Amino acid sequence: MHKINLNNVVWKEGNTYVAWNLNTNVSSFGESKKEALASLQEALELHLDDVPISKIQKVERPVLERVIFKHA
């Protein structure tokens, strides 16, 4: 069994929490942060059954950066 460090982001959209994995682009959701992460864990387990470890994108030191965007 391999251990893989994965980076996840969690945010709230309305009444729902969204959890997104930066390494695989797999996401899930739940009514709480804990539930969203548990759902993401399950989705990742299913996803990684079909994906070789060599195909998992390495993401090192992710930083959230705010960008001000202007549009017409």
Protein backbone atom coordinates (compact mmCIF):
# COMPACT_ATOMS: atom_id res chain seq x y z
CA MET A 1 0.00 0.00 0.00
CA HIS A 2 1.30 3.43 -0.99
CA LYS A 3 0.91 6.62 1.02
CA ILE A 4 0.25 9.72 -1.05
CA ASN A 5 0.08 13.30 0.20
CA LEU A 6 -2.89 14.99 -1.44
CA ASN A 7 -3.85 18.66 -1.23
CA ASN A 8 -7.52 19.52 -0.76
CA VAL A 9 -9.45 22.78 -0.69
CA VAL A 10 -12.78 23.17 1.11
CA TRP A 11 -15.19 26.09 0.78
CA LYS A 12 -18.81 26.87 1.45
CA GLU A 13 -21.36 27.49 -1.32
CA GLY A 14 -24.69 28.50 0.17
CA ASN A 15 -25.56 25.73 2.65
CA THR A 16 -23.19 23.18 1.09
CA TYR A 17 -19.48 22.57 1.62
CA VAL A 18 -17.41 21.62 -1.42
CA ALA A 19 -14.15 19.67 -1.12
CA TRP A 20 -11.82 19.60 -4.12
CA ASN A 21 -8.58 17.67 -4.51
CA LEU A 22 -5.91 19.68 -6.33
CA ASN A 23 -3.89 16.62 -7.37
CA THR A 24 -6.68 14.78 -9.19
CA ASN A 25 -9.42 17.37 -9.81
CA VAL A 26 -11.84 15.08 -7.95
CA SER A 27 -14.45 16.90 -5.88
CA SER A 28 -17.36 16.12 -3.62
CA PHE A 29 -19.69 17.91 -1.21
CA GLY A 30 -21.56 17.66 2.06
CA GLU A 31 -23.64 19.56 4.60
CA SER A 32 -20.54 20.15 6.77
CA LYS A 33 -16.82 20.47 6.17
CA LYS A 34 -16.29 17.06 7.81
CA GLU A 35 -18.96 15.45 5.61
CA ALA A 36 -17.54 17.02 2.45
CA LEU A 37 -14.05 15.70 3.26
CA ALA A 38 -15.41 12.23 4.04
CA SER A 39 -17.27 12.21 0.71
CA LEU A 40 -14.11 13.37 -1.04
CA GLN A 41 -12.13 10.56 0.61
CA GLU A 42 -14.61 8.02 -0.75
CA ALA A 43 -14.54 9.58 -4.22
CA LEU A 44 -10.73 9.59 -4.21
CA GLU A 45 -10.59 5.93 -3.23
CA LEU A 46 -12.83 5.03 -6.16
CA HIS A 47 -10.94 7.30 -8.55
CA LEU A 48 -7.50 6.03 -7.53
CA ASP A 49 -8.53 2.41 -8.05
CA ASP A 50 -8.36 3.14 -11.79
CA VAL A 51 -5.44 5.60 -11.91
CA PRO A 52 -1.75 4.64 -11.63
CA ILE A 53 0.16 6.58 -8.99
CA SER A 54 2.47 7.94 -11.70
CA LYS A 55 -0.52 9.81 -13.20
CA ILE A 56 -1.29 11.78 -10.02
CA GLN A 57 -0.26 15.39 -10.44
CA LYS A 58 2.22 16.64 -7.85
CA VAL A 59 1.11 19.90 -6.21
CA GLU A 60 3.64 21.46 -3.89
CA ARG A 61 2.90 24.27 -1.45
CA PRO A 62 -0.39 25.54 -2.88
CA VAL A 63 -1.18 29.13 -1.99
CA LEU A 64 -4.54 30.86 -2.37
CA GLU A 65 -3.98 34.17 -4.10
CA ARG A 66 -6.65 36.82 -4.43
CA VAL A 67 -6.99 38.43 -7.85
CA ILE A 68 -9.17 41.44 -8.54
CA PHE A 69 -10.94 40.91 -11.82
CA LYS A 70 -12.74 43.69 -13.68
CA HIS A 71 -15.19 43.02 -16.47
CA ALA A 72 -17.77 44.97 -18.41
